[in-house]
Amino acid sequence: MQNGRIAQAGTFEELLKQNIGFELLVGAHSKALESVLMVGNSSKTNLNPIPEGECITYSHSSSELLHTQLDKVQDNSTDNKGNSDGKLVQEEERETGSISKEVYWSYLTTVKGGLLVPIIILAQSSFQILQIASNYWMAWVCPTKADAKPIYDMNFILLIYMALSVAGSFCVLLRAMLVLNCGLWTAQTFFTRMLHNVQRAPMSFFDSTPTGRILNR
């Protein structure tokens, strides 16, 4: 694959004979495997890394040699899984304790640099203020005795009460929409960044990290 299109197709030996880039990919993979296995167990690996920028032309005999070297690497990786000093699969890093403030700050500032957070707080505060104002309005204008007359006309009292209620409902709707969209945008941004990093990770990362751990995280 090159630039999202199929550039070569064929068997392993045919792709090596075409000499248009596949041999560099195989060499880079062998080099990545060798670098992982060399950690703590350098005596077990015999591969020679391919220098950067050097293009090697593979013949039929060299392709067989490459197969033999890859088989040795796979055998060494199997042996290293049981070796605590130079094992291929690395232990998963875990953190204990409470979540740090940097995590919350990163979550809040992912979308629009955190510009929508004050708007959400303002919408929630406005809803609470309008709710208190509507209750206070009804308690102030309504008479406390049966024979007392209201301060204002009943239609005006209901109009003000309805206006305060509608304004409070609008604030609740605005807050709910902002919270929903901010959460969705933040999740999409985190997923896009994670997928971008995984797709561009070196081959040694996939050799030393189980697929189940990548999918789970």
N, C-alpha and C. Protein backbone atom coordinates (compact mmCIF):
# COMPACT_ATOMS: atom_id res chain seq x y z
N MET A 1 0.84 -1.19 0.00
CA MET A 1 0.00 0.00 0.00
C MET A 1 0.88 1.25 0.00
N GLN A 2 0.60 2.17 -0.90
CA GLN A 2 1.28 3.46 -0.94
C GLN A 2 0.26 4.55 -1.19
N ASN A 3 0.20 5.50 -0.24
CA ASN A 3 -0.75 6.61 -0.35
C ASN A 3 -2.19 6.13 -0.48
N GLY A 4 -2.52 5.05 0.24
CA GLY A 4 -3.88 4.55 0.24
C GLY A 4 -4.25 3.71 -0.96
N ARG A 5 -3.28 3.36 -1.82
CA ARG A 5 -3.56 2.56 -3.01
C ARG A 5 -2.65 1.34 -3.04
N ILE A 6 -3.11 0.28 -3.72
CA ILE A 6 -2.33 -0.93 -3.84
C ILE A 6 -1.26 -0.71 -4.90
N ALA A 7 0.01 -0.71 -4.47
CA ALA A 7 1.12 -0.46 -5.39
C ALA A 7 1.76 -1.75 -5.89
N GLN A 8 1.71 -2.84 -5.10
CA GLN A 8 2.32 -4.10 -5.48
C GLN A 8 1.39 -5.24 -5.08
N ALA A 9 1.46 -6.33 -5.84
CA ALA A 9 0.67 -7.51 -5.54
C ALA A 9 1.44 -8.73 -6.03
N GLY A 10 1.45 -9.80 -5.25
CA GLY A 10 2.16 -11.01 -5.63
C GLY A 10 2.61 -11.78 -4.42
N THR A 11 3.37 -12.84 -4.65
CA THR A 11 3.91 -13.63 -3.56
C THR A 11 5.07 -12.91 -2.90
N PHE A 12 5.59 -13.50 -1.84
CA PHE A 12 6.69 -12.88 -1.11
C PHE A 12 7.92 -12.72 -2.00
N GLU A 13 8.29 -13.79 -2.73
CA GLU A 13 9.47 -13.73 -3.59
C GLU A 13 9.26 -12.78 -4.76
N GLU A 14 8.04 -12.74 -5.32
CA GLU A 14 7.78 -11.85 -6.45
C GLU A 14 7.89 -10.39 -6.04
N LEU A 15 7.40 -10.08 -4.85
CA LEU A 15 7.48 -8.69 -4.39
C LEU A 15 8.92 -8.27 -4.14
N LEU A 16 9.75 -9.21 -3.67
CA LEU A 16 11.15 -8.88 -3.45
C LEU A 16 11.88 -8.65 -4.77
N LYS A 17 11.53 -9.43 -5.81
CA LYS A 17 12.20 -9.29 -7.11
C LYS A 17 11.82 -7.99 -7.82
N GLN A 18 10.64 -7.45 -7.53
CA GLN A 18 10.22 -6.22 -8.20
C GLN A 18 11.08 -5.03 -7.79
N ASN A 19 11.62 -5.07 -6.58
CA ASN A 19 12.60 -4.06 -6.14
C ASN A 19 12.04 -2.63 -6.24
N ILE A 20 10.84 -2.43 -5.72
CA ILE A 20 10.27 -1.08 -5.73
C ILE A 20 9.80 -0.66 -4.33
N GLY A 21 10.42 -1.23 -3.30
CA GLY A 21 10.13 -0.75 -1.96
C GLY A 21 9.76 -1.81 -0.95
N PHE A 22 9.32 -2.98 -1.41
CA PHE A 22 8.88 -4.00 -0.46
C PHE A 22 10.04 -4.53 0.36
N GLU A 23 11.22 -4.63 -0.27
CA GLU A 23 12.37 -5.17 0.45
C GLU A 23 12.79 -4.23 1.58
N LEU A 24 12.57 -2.92 1.41
CA LEU A 24 12.88 -1.99 2.49
C LEU A 24 11.92 -2.18 3.67
N LEU A 25 10.65 -2.47 3.37
CA LEU A 25 9.68 -2.71 4.43
C LEU A 25 10.03 -3.96 5.21
N VAL A 26 10.42 -5.02 4.50
CA VAL A 26 10.81 -6.26 5.17
C VAL A 26 12.07 -6.04 6.00
N GLY A 27 13.02 -5.30 5.45
CA GLY A 27 14.24 -5.02 6.20
C GLY A 27 13.98 -4.20 7.44
N ALA A 28 13.07 -3.21 7.33
CA ALA A 28 12.74 -2.39 8.50
C ALA A 28 12.05 -3.22 9.57
N HIS A 29 11.19 -4.16 9.14
CA HIS A 29 10.53 -5.02 10.12
C HIS A 29 11.53 -5.92 10.82
N SER A 30 12.48 -6.46 10.07
CA SER A 30 13.51 -7.30 10.67
C SER A 30 14.35 -6.49 11.65
N LYS A 31 14.65 -5.25 11.27
CA LYS A 31 15.44 -4.40 12.15
C LYS A 31 14.69 -4.08 13.44
N ALA A 32 13.36 -3.86 13.33
CA ALA A 32 12.56 -3.57 14.52
C ALA A 32 12.50 -4.78 15.45
N LEU A 33 12.34 -5.97 14.86
CA LEU A 33 12.33 -7.18 15.68
C LEU A 33 13.67 -7.38 16.37
N GLU A 34 14.73 -7.11 15.64
CA GLU A 34 16.05 -7.30 16.23
C GLU A 34 16.29 -6.34 17.38
N SER A 35 15.85 -5.08 17.23
CA SER A 35 16.07 -4.09 18.29
C SER A 35 15.31 -4.46 19.55
N VAL A 36 14.13 -5.08 19.41
CA VAL A 36 13.37 -5.50 20.58
C VAL A 36 14.03 -6.67 21.27
N LEU A 37 14.48 -7.64 20.47
CA LEU A 37 15.08 -8.84 21.04
C LEU A 37 16.46 -8.58 21.63
N MET A 38 17.12 -7.52 21.18
CA MET A 38 18.45 -7.22 21.69
C MET A 38 18.42 -6.72 23.13
N VAL A 39 17.25 -6.27 23.60
CA VAL A 39 17.14 -5.76 24.96
C VAL A 39 17.25 -6.91 25.95
N GLY A 40 18.31 -6.97 26.67
CA GLY A 40 18.51 -8.00 27.68
C GLY A 40 18.88 -9.36 27.14
N ASN A 41 18.93 -9.52 25.80
CA ASN A 41 19.23 -10.84 25.24
C ASN A 41 19.96 -10.68 23.93
N SER A 42 21.00 -9.86 23.90
CA SER A 42 21.68 -9.54 22.65
C SER A 42 22.44 -10.73 22.07
N SER A 43 22.76 -11.70 22.90
CA SER A 43 23.53 -12.84 22.42
C SER A 43 22.72 -13.80 21.58
N LYS A 44 21.38 -13.67 21.63
CA LYS A 44 20.53 -14.62 20.91
C LYS A 44 20.16 -14.16 19.51
N THR A 45 20.47 -12.93 19.15
CA THR A 45 20.07 -12.41 17.84
C THR A 45 21.29 -12.29 16.95
N ASN A 46 21.15 -12.69 15.70
CA ASN A 46 22.26 -12.67 14.75
C ASN A 46 21.95 -11.85 13.50
N LEU A 47 20.85 -11.11 13.52
CA LEU A 47 20.49 -10.33 12.34
C LEU A 47 21.36 -9.09 12.25
N ASN A 48 21.70 -8.69 11.04
CA ASN A 48 22.43 -7.45 10.82
C ASN A 48 21.44 -6.40 10.35
N PRO A 49 21.28 -5.29 11.06
CA PRO A 49 20.31 -4.27 10.64
C PRO A 49 20.70 -3.62 9.33
N ILE A 50 19.70 -3.24 8.59
CA ILE A 50 19.92 -2.60 7.30
C ILE A 50 20.17 -1.12 7.53
N PRO A 51 21.27 -0.57 7.02
CA PRO A 51 21.52 0.87 7.21
C PRO A 51 20.43 1.70 6.58
N GLU A 52 20.15 2.84 7.21
CA GLU A 52 19.12 3.72 6.70
C GLU A 52 19.54 4.32 5.36
N GLY A 53 18.59 4.39 4.44
CA GLY A 53 18.84 4.97 3.14
C GLY A 53 19.47 4.02 2.15
N GLU A 54 19.83 2.80 2.56
CA GLU A 54 20.48 1.86 1.66
C GLU A 54 19.45 0.91 1.09
N CYS A 55 19.42 0.75 -0.18
CA CYS A 55 18.47 -0.12 -0.87
C CYS A 55 19.17 -1.41 -1.25
N ILE A 56 18.64 -2.56 -0.83
CA ILE A 56 19.25 -3.86 -1.08
C ILE A 56 18.39 -4.62 -2.06
N THR A 57 19.01 -5.19 -3.08
CA THR A 57 18.31 -5.99 -4.07
C THR A 57 18.39 -7.45 -3.66
N TYR A 58 17.25 -8.11 -3.53
CA TYR A 58 17.18 -9.48 -3.06
C TYR A 58 17.10 -10.43 -4.26
N SER A 59 17.89 -11.43 -4.23
CA SER A 59 17.79 -12.51 -5.20
C SER A 59 17.01 -13.65 -4.58
N HIS A 60 16.93 -14.78 -5.31
CA HIS A 60 16.19 -15.92 -4.78
C HIS A 60 16.88 -16.49 -3.55
N SER A 61 18.22 -16.55 -3.59
CA SER A 61 18.96 -17.09 -2.45
C SER A 61 18.87 -16.15 -1.25
N SER A 62 18.90 -14.83 -1.51
CA SER A 62 18.81 -13.89 -0.40
C SER A 62 17.43 -13.91 0.22
N SER A 63 16.38 -14.17 -0.58
CA SER A 63 15.05 -14.27 0.00
C SER A 63 14.94 -15.48 0.91
N GLU A 64 15.61 -16.60 0.51
CA GLU A 64 15.62 -17.76 1.40
C GLU A 64 16.35 -17.45 2.69
N LEU A 65 17.46 -16.70 2.57
CA LEU A 65 18.19 -16.30 3.77
C LEU A 65 17.34 -15.42 4.67
N LEU A 66 16.55 -14.54 4.04
CA LEU A 66 15.67 -13.67 4.82
C LEU A 66 14.62 -14.48 5.55
N HIS A 67 14.06 -15.51 4.87
CA HIS A 67 13.10 -16.40 5.53
C HIS A 67 13.74 -17.07 6.73
N THR A 68 14.99 -17.53 6.56
CA THR A 68 15.68 -18.21 7.66
C THR A 68 15.90 -17.27 8.83
N GLN A 69 16.28 -16.02 8.53
CA GLN A 69 16.50 -15.05 9.59
C GLN A 69 15.20 -14.72 10.33
N LEU A 70 14.11 -14.58 9.57
CA LEU A 70 12.83 -14.29 10.20
C LEU A 70 12.38 -15.44 11.09
N ASP A 71 12.64 -16.69 10.65
CA ASP A 71 12.31 -17.85 11.48
C ASP A 71 13.11 -17.84 12.77
N LYS A 72 14.39 -17.43 12.67
CA LYS A 72 15.20 -17.34 13.88
C LYS A 72 14.67 -16.29 14.84
N VAL A 73 14.23 -15.17 14.27
CA VAL A 73 13.68 -14.11 15.11
C VAL A 73 12.42 -14.59 15.82
N GLN A 74 11.56 -15.32 15.09
CA GLN A 74 10.33 -15.82 15.71
C GLN A 74 10.64 -16.84 16.79
N ASP A 75 11.65 -17.71 16.54
CA ASP A 75 12.03 -18.68 17.56
C ASP A 75 12.59 -17.99 18.79
N ASN A 76 13.40 -16.95 18.56
CA ASN A 76 13.95 -16.22 19.70
C ASN A 76 12.88 -15.49 20.48
N SER A 77 11.87 -14.96 19.75
CA SER A 77 10.79 -14.26 20.44
C SER A 77 9.98 -15.22 21.29
N THR A 78 9.83 -16.48 20.82
CA THR A 78 9.12 -17.48 21.62
C THR A 78 9.89 -17.82 22.88
N ASP A 79 11.23 -17.93 22.74
CA ASP A 79 12.05 -18.22 23.91
C ASP A 79 12.06 -17.06 24.89
N ASN A 80 12.02 -15.84 24.37
CA ASN A 80 12.11 -14.68 25.24
C ASN A 80 10.84 -14.43 26.03
N LYS A 81 9.71 -14.99 25.60
CA LYS A 81 8.47 -14.77 26.34
C LYS A 81 8.55 -15.38 27.73
N GLY A 82 9.33 -16.43 27.88
CA GLY A 82 9.47 -17.03 29.19
C GLY A 82 10.65 -16.52 29.97
N ASN A 83 11.42 -15.61 29.39
CA ASN A 83 12.60 -15.07 30.05
C ASN A 83 12.25 -13.74 30.68
N SER A 84 12.40 -13.62 31.98
CA SER A 84 12.02 -12.41 32.68
C SER A 84 12.96 -11.26 32.41
N ASP A 85 14.22 -11.56 31.94
CA ASP A 85 15.18 -10.50 31.71
C ASP A 85 15.00 -9.84 30.35
N GLY A 86 14.66 -10.61 29.31
CA GLY A 86 14.55 -10.05 27.97
C GLY A 86 13.29 -10.48 27.26
N LYS A 87 12.17 -10.49 27.93
CA LYS A 87 10.93 -10.95 27.32
C LYS A 87 10.42 -9.93 26.32
N LEU A 88 9.74 -10.43 25.30
CA LEU A 88 9.27 -9.56 24.22
C LEU A 88 8.08 -8.72 24.65
N VAL A 89 7.08 -9.34 25.28
CA VAL A 89 5.88 -8.63 25.71
C VAL A 89 6.19 -7.86 26.99
N GLN A 90 6.02 -6.57 26.94
CA GLN A 90 6.31 -5.73 28.09
C GLN A 90 5.13 -5.70 29.05
N GLU A 91 5.45 -5.49 30.33
CA GLU A 91 4.42 -5.38 31.34
C GLU A 91 3.63 -4.09 31.15
N GLU A 92 2.34 -4.17 31.42
CA GLU A 92 1.48 -3.00 31.26
C GLU A 92 1.69 -2.03 32.41
N GLU A 93 1.85 -0.76 32.06
CA GLU A 93 2.04 0.26 33.08
C GLU A 93 0.70 0.66 33.68
N ARG A 94 0.65 0.73 35.00
CA ARG A 94 -0.58 1.07 35.70
C ARG A 94 -0.30 2.15 36.73
N GLU A 95 -1.27 3.01 36.90
CA GLU A 95 -1.17 4.07 37.89
C GLU A 95 -2.27 3.89 38.93
N THR A 96 -1.93 4.15 40.17
CA THR A 96 -2.88 4.03 41.26
C THR A 96 -3.11 5.39 41.90
N GLY A 97 -4.20 5.48 42.62
CA GLY A 97 -4.51 6.74 43.29
C GLY A 97 -5.59 7.52 42.56
N SER A 98 -5.77 8.76 42.96
CA SER A 98 -6.80 9.61 42.36
C SER A 98 -6.36 10.13 41.00
N ILE A 99 -7.33 10.58 40.23
CA ILE A 99 -7.04 11.13 38.91
C ILE A 99 -6.42 12.51 39.07
N SER A 100 -5.36 12.75 38.34
CA SER A 100 -4.64 14.02 38.47
C SER A 100 -5.44 15.16 37.86
N LYS A 101 -5.09 16.37 38.26
CA LYS A 101 -5.78 17.55 37.74
C LYS A 101 -5.50 17.76 36.26
N GLU A 102 -4.34 17.30 35.79
CA GLU A 102 -4.02 17.47 34.37
C GLU A 102 -5.00 16.72 33.48
N VAL A 103 -5.51 15.58 33.96
CA VAL A 103 -6.47 14.81 33.17
C VAL A 103 -7.78 15.58 33.03
N TYR A 104 -8.27 16.14 34.13
CA TYR A 104 -9.49 16.94 34.06
C TYR A 104 -9.30 18.18 33.19
N TRP A 105 -8.15 18.82 33.33
CA TRP A 105 -7.90 20.03 32.54
C TRP A 105 -7.81 19.70 31.06
N SER A 106 -7.18 18.58 30.71
CA SER A 106 -7.10 18.17 29.31
C SER A 106 -8.48 17.86 28.75
N TYR A 107 -9.34 17.25 29.57
CA TYR A 107 -10.69 16.93 29.11
C TYR A 107 -11.52 18.20 28.90
N LEU A 108 -11.35 19.18 29.79
CA LEU A 108 -12.15 20.40 29.69
C LEU A 108 -11.70 21.31 28.55
N THR A 109 -10.42 21.29 28.24
CA THR A 109 -9.88 22.20 27.23
C THR A 109 -9.71 21.57 25.86
N THR A 110 -10.20 20.36 25.67
CA THR A 110 -10.04 19.70 24.37
C THR A 110 -10.87 20.39 23.29
N VAL A 111 -12.11 20.77 23.62
CA VAL A 111 -13.02 21.39 22.66
C VAL A 111 -12.97 22.91 22.82
N LYS A 112 -12.62 23.60 21.76
CA LYS A 112 -12.60 25.06 21.72
C LYS A 112 -11.72 25.67 22.82
N GLY A 113 -10.73 24.91 23.28
CA GLY A 113 -9.86 25.42 24.32
C GLY A 113 -10.55 25.68 25.64
N GLY A 114 -11.68 25.01 25.90
CA GLY A 114 -12.43 25.22 27.14
C GLY A 114 -13.33 26.43 27.13
N LEU A 115 -13.56 27.01 25.95
CA LEU A 115 -14.39 28.22 25.87
C LEU A 115 -15.85 27.95 26.20
N LEU A 116 -16.32 26.73 25.94
CA LEU A 116 -17.73 26.42 26.17
C LEU A 116 -18.03 26.11 27.64
N VAL A 117 -17.02 25.84 28.43
CA VAL A 117 -17.25 25.51 29.84
C VAL A 117 -17.86 26.69 30.60
N PRO A 118 -17.34 27.92 30.48
CA PRO A 118 -18.00 29.05 31.16
C PRO A 118 -19.44 29.27 30.69
N ILE A 119 -19.71 29.00 29.42
CA ILE A 119 -21.08 29.17 28.93
C ILE A 119 -22.02 28.15 29.58
N ILE A 120 -21.53 26.92 29.77
CA ILE A 120 -22.34 25.91 30.45
C ILE A 120 -22.61 26.31 31.89
N ILE A 121 -21.58 26.80 32.57
CA ILE A 121 -21.76 27.24 33.96
C ILE A 121 -22.71 28.43 34.03
N LEU A 122 -22.60 29.36 33.08
CA LEU A 122 -23.49 30.52 33.06
C LEU A 122 -24.94 30.10 32.80
N ALA A 123 -25.15 29.13 31.92
CA ALA A 123 -26.51 28.67 31.64
C ALA A 123 -27.12 28.00 32.86
N GLN A 124 -26.34 27.19 33.57
CA GLN A 124 -26.84 26.54 34.78
C GLN A 124 -27.13 27.56 35.88
N SER A 125 -26.25 28.54 36.04
CA SER A 125 -26.47 29.58 37.05
C SER A 125 -27.70 30.42 36.71
N SER A 126 -27.87 30.74 35.44
CA SER A 126 -29.04 31.53 35.03
C SER A 126 -30.34 30.77 35.29
N PHE A 127 -30.33 29.46 35.06
CA PHE A 127 -31.52 28.66 35.34
C PHE A 127 -31.88 28.71 36.83
N GLN A 128 -30.88 28.57 37.69
CA GLN A 128 -31.16 28.62 39.12
C GLN A 128 -31.67 29.99 39.54
N ILE A 129 -31.08 31.04 38.99
CA ILE A 129 -31.51 32.40 39.34
C ILE A 129 -32.94 32.65 38.88
N LEU A 130 -33.26 32.23 37.66
CA LEU A 130 -34.62 32.44 37.14
C LEU A 130 -35.65 31.61 37.91
N GLN A 131 -35.26 30.43 38.34
CA GLN A 131 -36.19 29.61 39.13
C GLN A 131 -36.48 30.27 40.47
N ILE A 132 -35.45 30.79 41.11
CA ILE A 132 -35.65 31.49 42.38
C ILE A 132 -36.46 32.77 42.16
N ALA A 133 -36.19 33.47 41.06
CA ALA A 133 -36.90 34.71 40.77
C ALA A 133 -38.38 34.46 40.52
N SER A 134 -38.72 33.38 39.83
CA SER A 134 -40.14 33.09 39.58
C SER A 134 -40.87 32.76 40.88
N ASN A 135 -40.22 32.02 41.77
CA ASN A 135 -40.85 31.72 43.06
C ASN A 135 -41.01 32.98 43.91
N TYR A 136 -39.99 33.81 43.90
CA TYR A 136 -40.06 35.06 44.67
C TYR A 136 -41.13 35.99 44.10
N TRP A 137 -41.25 36.01 42.78
CA TRP A 137 -42.26 36.87 42.15
C TRP A 137 -43.67 36.47 42.57
N MET A 138 -43.95 35.19 42.54
CA MET A 138 -45.29 34.73 42.93
C MET A 138 -45.55 34.97 44.41
N ALA A 139 -44.52 34.81 45.25
CA ALA A 139 -44.71 35.04 46.68
C ALA A 139 -44.88 36.52 47.00
N TRP A 140 -44.33 37.39 46.18
CA TRP A 140 -44.38 38.83 46.47
C TRP A 140 -45.67 39.48 45.98
N VAL A 141 -46.13 39.10 44.78
CA VAL A 141 -47.29 39.78 44.20
C VAL A 141 -48.61 39.17 44.62
N CYS A 142 -48.61 37.91 45.02
CA CYS A 142 -49.88 37.28 45.41
C CYS A 142 -50.25 37.71 46.83
N PRO A 143 -51.51 38.00 47.07
CA PRO A 143 -51.94 38.43 48.41
C PRO A 143 -51.86 37.28 49.41
N THR A 144 -51.56 37.63 50.64
CA THR A 144 -51.46 36.62 51.69
C THR A 144 -52.79 36.37 52.40
N LYS A 145 -53.75 37.26 52.19
CA LYS A 145 -55.07 37.11 52.81
C LYS A 145 -56.13 36.99 51.73
N ALA A 146 -57.23 36.38 52.10
CA ALA A 146 -58.29 36.16 51.12
C ALA A 146 -58.98 37.45 50.71
N ASP A 147 -59.10 38.41 51.61
CA ASP A 147 -59.80 39.66 51.29
C ASP A 147 -58.86 40.73 50.73
N ALA A 148 -57.55 40.44 50.65
CA ALA A 148 -56.60 41.43 50.13
C ALA A 148 -56.57 41.38 48.62
N LYS A 149 -56.30 42.53 48.02
CA LYS A 149 -56.22 42.62 46.57
C LYS A 149 -54.76 42.47 46.12
N PRO A 150 -54.53 41.83 44.97
CA PRO A 150 -53.15 41.71 44.47
C PRO A 150 -52.60 43.06 44.05
N ILE A 151 -51.28 43.17 44.08
CA ILE A 151 -50.63 44.43 43.73
C ILE A 151 -50.81 44.74 42.25
N TYR A 152 -50.69 43.73 41.41
CA TYR A 152 -50.83 43.90 39.96
C TYR A 152 -51.99 43.06 39.47
N ASP A 153 -52.35 43.31 38.23
CA ASP A 153 -53.41 42.53 37.60
C ASP A 153 -52.96 41.07 37.45
N MET A 154 -53.92 40.15 37.56
CA MET A 154 -53.59 38.74 37.52
C MET A 154 -52.97 38.33 36.18
N ASN A 155 -53.43 38.92 35.10
CA ASN A 155 -52.85 38.60 33.79
C ASN A 155 -51.38 39.02 33.71
N PHE A 156 -51.07 40.17 34.28
CA PHE A 156 -49.68 40.64 34.29
C PHE A 156 -48.80 39.74 35.16
N ILE A 157 -49.37 39.30 36.28
CA ILE A 157 -48.62 38.40 37.17
C ILE A 157 -48.29 37.09 36.46
N LEU A 158 -49.27 36.52 35.78
CA LEU A 158 -49.04 35.26 35.07
C LEU A 158 -48.09 35.44 33.89
N LEU A 159 -48.17 36.61 33.25
CA LEU A 159 -47.27 36.87 32.12
C LEU A 159 -45.81 36.90 32.56
N ILE A 160 -45.54 37.59 33.67
CA ILE A 160 -44.16 37.65 34.18
C ILE A 160 -43.70 36.26 34.62
N TYR A 161 -44.59 35.52 35.27
CA TYR A 161 -44.23 34.18 35.72
C TYR A 161 -43.91 33.26 34.54
N MET A 162 -44.71 33.35 33.49
CA MET A 162 -44.47 32.53 32.30
C MET A 162 -43.16 32.93 31.61
N ALA A 163 -42.87 34.23 31.58
CA ALA A 163 -41.63 34.68 30.95
C ALA A 163 -40.41 34.15 31.71
N LEU A 164 -40.46 34.19 33.03
CA LEU A 164 -39.36 33.65 33.82
C LEU A 164 -39.22 32.14 33.64
N SER A 165 -40.34 31.45 33.55
CA SER A 165 -40.29 29.99 33.37
C SER A 165 -39.74 29.61 32.00
N VAL A 166 -40.16 30.33 30.96
CA VAL A 166 -39.66 30.05 29.61
C VAL A 166 -38.16 30.34 29.52
N ALA A 167 -37.72 31.43 30.13
CA ALA A 167 -36.29 31.76 30.12
C ALA A 167 -35.49 30.68 30.86
N GLY A 168 -36.02 30.19 31.99
CA GLY A 168 -35.34 29.12 32.70
C GLY A 168 -35.28 27.84 31.89
N SER A 169 -36.37 27.53 31.18
CA SER A 169 -36.37 26.33 30.33
C SER A 169 -35.36 26.45 29.20
N PHE A 170 -35.23 27.65 28.64
CA PHE A 170 -34.24 27.86 27.58
C PHE A 170 -32.82 27.65 28.11
N CYS A 171 -32.55 28.11 29.32
CA CYS A 171 -31.23 27.91 29.91
C CYS A 171 -30.93 26.43 30.13
N VAL A 172 -31.94 25.68 30.57
CA VAL A 172 -31.75 24.24 30.76
C VAL A 172 -31.48 23.56 29.42
N LEU A 173 -32.23 23.94 28.39
CA LEU A 173 -32.01 23.36 27.06
C LEU A 173 -30.62 23.68 26.54
N LEU A 174 -30.18 24.93 26.71
CA LEU A 174 -28.85 25.32 26.26
C LEU A 174 -27.77 24.54 26.99
N ARG A 175 -27.93 24.39 28.30
CA ARG A 175 -26.93 23.65 29.08
C ARG A 175 -26.88 22.19 28.64
N ALA A 176 -28.03 21.56 28.43
CA ALA A 176 -28.06 20.15 28.04
C ALA A 176 -27.42 19.95 26.66
N MET A 177 -27.71 20.84 25.72
CA MET A 177 -27.14 20.70 24.38
C MET A 177 -25.63 20.90 24.39
N LEU A 178 -25.15 21.87 25.18
CA LEU A 178 -23.71 22.11 25.24
C LEU A 178 -22.98 20.95 25.90
N VAL A 179 -23.54 20.42 26.99
CA VAL A 179 -22.91 19.29 27.67
C VAL A 179 -22.86 18.07 26.75
N LEU A 180 -23.96 17.81 26.04
CA LEU A 180 -24.00 16.66 25.14
C LEU A 180 -23.00 16.80 24.00
N ASN A 181 -22.99 17.96 23.36
CA ASN A 181 -22.09 18.15 22.22
C ASN A 181 -20.63 18.22 22.65
N CYS A 182 -20.35 18.85 23.78
CA CYS A 182 -18.97 18.90 24.26
C CYS A 182 -18.45 17.51 24.59
N GLY A 183 -19.28 16.70 25.24
CA GLY A 183 -18.86 15.33 25.53
C GLY A 183 -18.61 14.52 24.27
N LEU A 184 -19.48 14.68 23.27
CA LEU A 184 -19.31 13.96 22.01
C LEU A 184 -18.08 14.42 21.26
N TRP A 185 -17.87 15.73 21.17
CA TRP A 185 -16.69 16.26 20.47
C TRP A 185 -15.40 15.85 21.17
N THR A 186 -15.41 15.86 22.50
CA THR A 186 -14.21 15.46 23.24
C THR A 186 -13.88 14.00 23.01
N ALA A 187 -14.90 13.14 23.05
CA ALA A 187 -14.67 11.71 22.81
C ALA A 187 -14.15 11.47 21.40
N GLN A 188 -14.70 12.16 20.41
CA GLN A 188 -14.23 12.01 19.04
C GLN A 188 -12.78 12.48 18.89
N THR A 189 -12.45 13.58 19.55
CA THR A 189 -11.08 14.10 19.47
C THR A 189 -10.09 13.13 20.10
N PHE A 190 -10.43 12.60 21.28
CA PHE A 190 -9.54 11.64 21.93
C PHE A 190 -9.36 10.38 21.08
N PHE A 191 -10.46 9.89 20.50
CA PHE A 191 -10.38 8.68 19.68
C PHE A 191 -9.54 8.93 18.43
N THR A 192 -9.71 10.09 17.80
CA THR A 192 -8.94 10.40 16.60
C THR A 192 -7.45 10.49 16.91
N ARG A 193 -7.10 11.13 18.01
CA ARG A 193 -5.69 11.23 18.39
C ARG A 193 -5.12 9.86 18.72
N MET A 194 -5.88 9.05 19.44
CA MET A 194 -5.40 7.72 19.80
C MET A 194 -5.18 6.86 18.55
N LEU A 195 -6.15 6.89 17.62
CA LEU A 195 -6.02 6.12 16.39
C LEU A 195 -4.86 6.62 15.55
N HIS A 196 -4.65 7.92 15.51
CA HIS A 196 -3.53 8.49 14.77
C HIS A 196 -2.20 8.00 15.33
N ASN A 197 -2.06 7.96 16.65
CA ASN A 197 -0.81 7.52 17.27
C ASN A 197 -0.59 6.02 17.09
N VAL A 198 -1.67 5.23 17.18
CA VAL A 198 -1.52 3.78 17.03
C VAL A 198 -1.12 3.43 15.60
N GLN A 199 -1.73 4.08 14.62
CA GLN A 199 -1.41 3.78 13.23
C GLN A 199 0.00 4.19 12.85
N ARG A 200 0.59 5.13 13.56
CA ARG A 200 1.94 5.59 13.26
C ARG A 200 2.96 5.10 14.27
N ALA A 201 2.59 4.12 15.08
CA ALA A 201 3.52 3.56 16.05
C ALA A 201 4.54 2.67 15.34
N PRO A 202 5.76 2.55 15.87
CA PRO A 202 6.76 1.68 15.24
C PRO A 202 6.38 0.21 15.35
N MET A 203 7.00 -0.62 14.52
CA MET A 203 6.69 -2.04 14.52
C MET A 203 7.02 -2.69 15.86
N SER A 204 8.03 -2.17 16.55
CA SER A 204 8.39 -2.75 17.84
C SER A 204 7.27 -2.61 18.86
N PHE A 205 6.43 -1.57 18.71
CA PHE A 205 5.30 -1.40 19.62
C PHE A 205 4.30 -2.54 19.47
N PHE A 206 4.00 -2.93 18.23
CA PHE A 206 3.05 -4.02 18.00
C PHE A 206 3.65 -5.37 18.33
N ASP A 207 4.98 -5.50 18.23
CA ASP A 207 5.63 -6.76 18.58
C ASP A 207 5.65 -6.98 20.09
N SER A 208 5.72 -5.90 20.85
CA SER A 208 5.83 -6.01 22.30
C SER A 208 4.53 -5.74 23.04
N THR A 209 3.47 -5.35 22.32
CA THR A 209 2.18 -5.05 22.95
C THR A 209 1.12 -5.99 22.39
N PRO A 210 0.43 -6.76 23.24
CA PRO A 210 -0.62 -7.66 22.74
C PRO A 210 -1.75 -6.89 22.06
N THR A 211 -2.34 -7.52 21.05
CA THR A 211 -3.43 -6.87 20.32
C THR A 211 -4.63 -6.63 21.22
N GLY A 212 -4.90 -7.56 22.12
CA GLY A 212 -6.03 -7.38 23.03
C GLY A 212 -5.87 -6.17 23.92
N ARG A 213 -4.64 -5.88 24.34
CA ARG A 213 -4.41 -4.70 25.17
C ARG A 213 -4.64 -3.42 24.38
N ILE A 214 -4.24 -3.41 23.10
CA ILE A 214 -4.45 -2.22 22.27
C ILE A 214 -5.94 -1.98 22.07
N LEU A 215 -6.70 -3.04 21.75
CA LEU A 215 -8.13 -2.88 21.52
C LEU A 215 -8.86 -2.51 22.81
N ASN A 216 -8.41 -3.02 23.93
CA ASN A 216 -9.07 -2.74 25.20
C ASN A 216 -8.83 -1.31 25.65
N ARG A 217 -7.66 -0.79 25.38
CA ARG A 217 -7.33 0.56 25.83
C ARG A 217 -7.76 1.62 24.82
